[in-house]
Amino acid sequence: MTSDPTFAPTPSTADSVPYASSGSGVVSAATPLLSVEAVQKYLNRSRASVYRYANTDPELLNPPYDQTKLNPEVRRDKDAPLEFRPQEVRRFAEEVLGLHPTIQVQPVEETLTHDLMRQMLQELRAIRKLLEEQGK
């Protein structure tokens, strides 16, 4: 098992959650925001739990940052859906929920295609070697 420096969800949700962390903490403009449903899958929690974790207040549109809560992106309208940065979800999962998942790297199964590709590569290398010898 190898620990992933950028929080990785369980294998069942690994393909559904996009990440764009450069490790520097700087988020690019291309970083997609996560919906409540994506956070729900990522944290493996119920939708109600995600809303309980979220830093929201009926009196304030955008409450101040709370380190113990899941802080959504700034909203301009109370009716706008909650959206979260992947880095914030990762931070919340690690620091507050104590989740430290790891990913498993499994070797790729050898198939006939892999074997054929390997043979083709060997033949191409042999051809290149012959051409280089003829050119000298």
C-alpha atoms as a PDB file:
ATOM      1  CA  MET A   1       0.000   0.000   0.000  1.00  0.00           C
ATOM      2  CA  THR A   2       1.271   3.417  -0.947  1.00  0.00           C
ATOM      3  CA  SER A   3       0.184   6.629   0.723  1.00  0.00           C
ATOM      4  CA  ASP A   4      -1.014   9.271  -1.719  1.00  0.00           C
ATOM      5  CA  PRO A   5      -0.014  12.857  -0.849  1.00  0.00           C
ATOM      6  CA  THR A   6      -3.180  14.165  -2.450  1.00  0.00           C
ATOM      7  CA  PHE A   7      -6.110  12.612  -0.650  1.00  0.00           C
ATOM      8  CA  ALA A   8      -7.580   9.791  -2.705  1.00  0.00           C
ATOM      9  CA  PRO A   9     -11.098   8.482  -2.175  1.00  0.00           C
ATOM     10  CA  THR A  10     -11.996   4.840  -1.964  1.00  0.00           C
ATOM     11  CA  PRO A  11     -11.569   2.930  -5.224  1.00  0.00           C
ATOM     12  CA  SER A  12     -15.307   2.926  -5.862  1.00  0.00           C
ATOM     13  CA  THR A  13     -15.347   6.725  -6.094  1.00  0.00           C
ATOM     14  CA  ALA A  14     -11.850   7.381  -7.403  1.00  0.00           C
ATOM     15  CA  ASP A  15     -13.040   7.895 -10.956  1.00  0.00           C
ATOM     16  CA  SER A  16     -15.873  10.245 -10.064  1.00  0.00           C
ATOM     17  CA  VAL A  17     -13.967  12.933  -8.152  1.00  0.00           C
ATOM     18  CA  PRO A  18     -11.710  15.328 -10.055  1.00  0.00           C
ATOM     19  CA  TYR A  19      -8.589  16.740  -8.448  1.00  0.00           C
ATOM     20  CA  ALA A  20      -6.336  19.562  -9.499  1.00  0.00           C
ATOM     21  CA  SER A  21      -3.924  20.125  -6.668  1.00  0.00           C
ATOM     22  CA  SER A  22      -0.432  21.190  -7.580  1.00  0.00           C
ATOM     23  CA  GLY A  23       0.798  20.588  -4.056  1.00  0.00           C
ATOM     24  CA  SER A  24       1.547  24.286  -3.603  1.00  0.00           C
ATOM     25  CA  GLY A  25      -1.915  25.072  -2.280  1.00  0.00           C
ATOM     26  CA  VAL A  26      -2.602  27.275  -5.288  1.00  0.00           C
ATOM     27  CA  VAL A  27      -5.811  26.418  -7.057  1.00  0.00           C
ATOM     28  CA  SER A  28      -5.968  27.032 -10.761  1.00  0.00           C
ATOM     29  CA  ALA A  29      -8.966  28.589 -12.454  1.00  0.00           C
ATOM     30  CA  ALA A  30      -9.580  25.256 -14.157  1.00  0.00           C
ATOM     31  CA  THR A  31     -10.177  23.473 -10.839  1.00  0.00           C
ATOM     32  CA  PRO A  32     -13.694  22.092 -10.961  1.00  0.00           C
ATOM     33  CA  LEU A  33     -15.833  22.599  -7.903  1.00  0.00           C
ATOM     34  CA  LEU A  34     -17.548  19.638  -6.303  1.00  0.00           C
ATOM     35  CA  SER A  35     -21.287  19.426  -5.794  1.00  0.00           C
ATOM     36  CA  VAL A  36     -22.855  18.112  -2.600  1.00  0.00           C
ATOM     37  CA  GLU A  37     -23.423  14.774  -4.373  1.00  0.00           C
ATOM     38  CA  ALA A  38     -19.736  14.497  -5.315  1.00  0.00           C
ATOM     39  CA  VAL A  39     -18.669  15.329  -1.743  1.00  0.00           C
ATOM     40  CA  GLN A  40     -21.160  12.765  -0.468  1.00  0.00           C
ATOM     41  CA  LYS A  41     -19.560  10.046  -2.620  1.00  0.00           C
ATOM     42  CA  TYR A  42     -16.063  11.248  -1.794  1.00  0.00           C
ATOM     43  CA  LEU A  43     -16.569  11.174   1.962  1.00  0.00           C
ATOM     44  CA  ASN A  44     -18.794   8.101   1.804  1.00  0.00           C
ATOM     45  CA  ARG A  45     -21.364   9.903   3.961  1.00  0.00           C
ATOM     46  CA  SER A  46     -25.049  10.673   3.590  1.00  0.00           C
ATOM     47  CA  ARG A  47     -26.291  13.866   1.961  1.00  0.00           C
ATOM     48  CA  ALA A  48     -27.636  15.007   5.338  1.00  0.00           C
ATOM     49  CA  SER A  49     -24.172  14.524   6.875  1.00  0.00           C
ATOM     50  CA  VAL A  50     -22.572  16.671   4.189  1.00  0.00           C
ATOM     51  CA  TYR A  51     -25.061  19.459   4.955  1.00  0.00           C
ATOM     52  CA  ARG A  52     -24.334  19.086   8.701  1.00  0.00           C
ATOM     53  CA  TYR A  53     -20.584  19.308   8.032  1.00  0.00           C
ATOM     54  CA  ALA A  54     -20.941  22.366   5.789  1.00  0.00           C
ATOM     55  CA  ASN A  55     -20.153  25.784   7.202  1.00  0.00           C
ATOM     56  CA  THR A  56     -23.509  27.452   6.560  1.00  0.00           C
ATOM     57  CA  ASP A  57     -25.651  29.849   8.532  1.00  0.00           C
ATOM     58  CA  PRO A  58     -29.280  30.801   7.824  1.00  0.00           C
ATOM     59  CA  GLU A  59     -28.494  34.396   8.809  1.00  0.00           C
ATOM     60  CA  LEU A  60     -25.279  34.816   6.767  1.00  0.00           C
ATOM     61  CA  LEU A  61     -24.780  34.124   3.091  1.00  0.00           C
ATOM     62  CA  ASN A  62     -21.053  33.443   3.489  1.00  0.00           C
ATOM     63  CA  PRO A  63     -20.037  32.803   7.121  1.00  0.00           C
ATOM     64  CA  PRO A  64     -16.375  33.256   8.096  1.00  0.00           C
ATOM     65  CA  TYR A  65     -13.942  30.366   7.631  1.00  0.00           C
ATOM     66  CA  ASP A  66     -14.338  27.654  10.282  1.00  0.00           C
ATOM     67  CA  GLN A  67     -11.528  25.119  10.568  1.00  0.00           C
ATOM     68  CA  THR A  68     -13.841  22.511  12.085  1.00  0.00           C
ATOM     69  CA  LYS A  69     -16.388  22.711   9.247  1.00  0.00           C
ATOM     70  CA  LEU A  70     -16.488  21.940   5.547  1.00  0.00           C
ATOM     71  CA  ASN A  71     -16.248  25.406   4.004  1.00  0.00           C
ATOM     72  CA  PRO A  72     -18.098  25.902   0.715  1.00  0.00           C
ATOM     73  CA  GLU A  73     -17.101  28.340  -1.998  1.00  0.00           C
ATOM     74  CA  VAL A  74     -18.363  31.916  -1.749  1.00  0.00           C
ATOM     75  CA  ARG A  75     -21.951  32.244  -2.974  1.00  0.00           C
ATOM     76  CA  ARG A  76     -23.638  35.333  -4.382  1.00  0.00           C
ATOM     77  CA  ASP A  77     -27.180  34.102  -3.765  1.00  0.00           C
ATOM     78  CA  LYS A  78     -28.787  32.075  -0.966  1.00  0.00           C
ATOM     79  CA  ASP A  79     -30.459  29.902  -3.611  1.00  0.00           C
ATOM     80  CA  ALA A  80     -27.124  29.012  -5.254  1.00  0.00           C
ATOM     81  CA  PRO A  81     -26.100  25.399  -4.655  1.00  0.00           C
ATOM     82  CA  LEU A  82     -23.243  24.647  -2.289  1.00  0.00           C
ATOM     83  CA  GLU A  83     -19.991  23.897  -4.094  1.00  0.00           C
ATOM     84  CA  PHE A  84     -16.664  22.875  -2.605  1.00  0.00           C
ATOM     85  CA  ARG A  85     -13.040  22.958  -3.713  1.00  0.00           C
ATOM     86  CA  PRO A  86     -11.470  19.481  -3.819  1.00  0.00           C
ATOM     87  CA  GLN A  87      -8.630  20.726  -1.569  1.00  0.00           C
ATOM     88  CA  GLU A  88     -11.119  21.865   1.067  1.00  0.00           C
ATOM     89  CA  VAL A  89     -12.901  18.512   0.999  1.00  0.00           C
ATOM     90  CA  ARG A  90      -9.548  16.735   1.335  1.00  0.00           C
ATOM     91  CA  ARG A  91      -8.542  18.997   4.234  1.00  0.00           C
ATOM     92  CA  PHE A  92     -11.833  18.402   6.021  1.00  0.00           C
ATOM     93  CA  ALA A  93     -11.629  14.636   5.513  1.00  0.00           C
ATOM     94  CA  GLU A  94      -8.087  14.436   6.840  1.00  0.00           C
ATOM     95  CA  GLU A  95      -8.108  17.006   9.639  1.00  0.00           C
ATOM     96  CA  VAL A  96     -11.653  16.794  10.967  1.00  0.00           C
ATOM     97  CA  LEU A  97     -12.898  13.322  10.068  1.00  0.00           C
ATOM     98  CA  GLY A  98      -9.482  11.703  10.467  1.00  0.00           C
ATOM     99  CA  LEU A  99      -9.664   9.866   7.147  1.00  0.00           C
ATOM    100  CA  HIS A 100      -6.272   8.921   5.735  1.00  0.00           C
ATOM    101  CA  PRO A 101      -7.071   6.590   2.889  1.00  0.00           C
ATOM    102  CA  THR A 102      -4.429   5.019   0.755  1.00  0.00           C
ATOM    103  CA  ILE A 103      -4.471   3.774  -2.756  1.00  0.00           C
ATOM    104  CA  GLN A 104      -3.343   0.353  -3.838  1.00  0.00           C
ATOM    105  CA  VAL A 105      -1.247   0.020  -6.927  1.00  0.00           C
ATOM    106  CA  GLN A 106      -2.026  -3.268  -8.567  1.00  0.00           C
ATOM    107  CA  PRO A 107       0.046  -4.686 -11.392  1.00  0.00           C
ATOM    108  CA  VAL A 108      -1.596  -4.686 -14.793  1.00  0.00           C
ATOM    109  CA  GLU A 109      -2.734  -8.098 -15.956  1.00  0.00           C
ATOM    110  CA  GLU A 110      -0.676  -9.437 -18.831  1.00  0.00           C
ATOM    111  CA  THR A 111      -2.788  -9.866 -21.918  1.00  0.00           C
ATOM    112  CA  LEU A 112      -2.156 -11.096 -25.432  1.00  0.00           C
ATOM    113  CA  THR A 113      -2.139  -7.465 -26.545  1.00  0.00           C
ATOM    114  CA  HIS A 114       0.691  -6.627 -24.122  1.00  0.00           C
ATOM    115  CA  ASP A 115       2.707  -9.584 -25.399  1.00  0.00           C
ATOM    116  CA  LEU A 116       2.170  -8.603 -29.049  1.00  0.00           C
ATOM    117  CA  MET A 117       3.117  -4.980 -28.340  1.00  0.00           C
ATOM    118  CA  ARG A 118       6.298  -6.120 -26.603  1.00  0.00           C
ATOM    119  CA  GLN A 119       7.214  -8.284 -29.619  1.00  0.00           C
ATOM    120  CA  MET A 120       6.526  -5.392 -32.006  1.00  0.00           C
ATOM    121  CA  LEU A 121       8.760  -3.110 -29.933  1.00  0.00           C
ATOM    122  CA  GLN A 122      11.576  -5.661 -30.078  1.00  0.00           C
ATOM    123  CA  GLU A 123      11.219  -5.899 -33.870  1.00  0.00           C
ATOM    124  CA  LEU A 124      11.218  -2.107 -34.253  1.00  0.00           C
ATOM    125  CA  ARG A 125      14.360  -1.846 -32.140  1.00  0.00           C
ATOM    126  CA  ALA A 126      16.047  -4.501 -34.277  1.00  0.00           C
ATOM    127  CA  ILE A 127      15.070  -2.617 -37.476  1.00  0.00           C
ATOM    128  CA  ARG A 128      16.379   0.659 -36.040  1.00  0.00           C
ATOM    129  CA  LYS A 129      19.646  -0.968 -35.050  1.00  0.00           C
ATOM    130  CA  LEU A 130      20.093  -2.366 -38.589  1.00  0.00           C
ATOM    131  CA  LEU A 131      19.309   1.010 -40.182  1.00  0.00           C
ATOM    132  CA  GLU A 132      21.771   2.799 -37.893  1.00  0.00           C
ATOM    133  CA  GLU A 133      24.482   0.244 -38.709  1.00  0.00           C
ATOM    134  CA  GLN A 134      23.864   0.650 -42.451  1.00  0.00           C
ATOM    135  CA  GLY A 135      23.985   4.426 -42.205  1.00  0.00           C
ATOM    136  CA  LYS A 136      27.457   4.495 -40.577  1.00  0.00           C
END
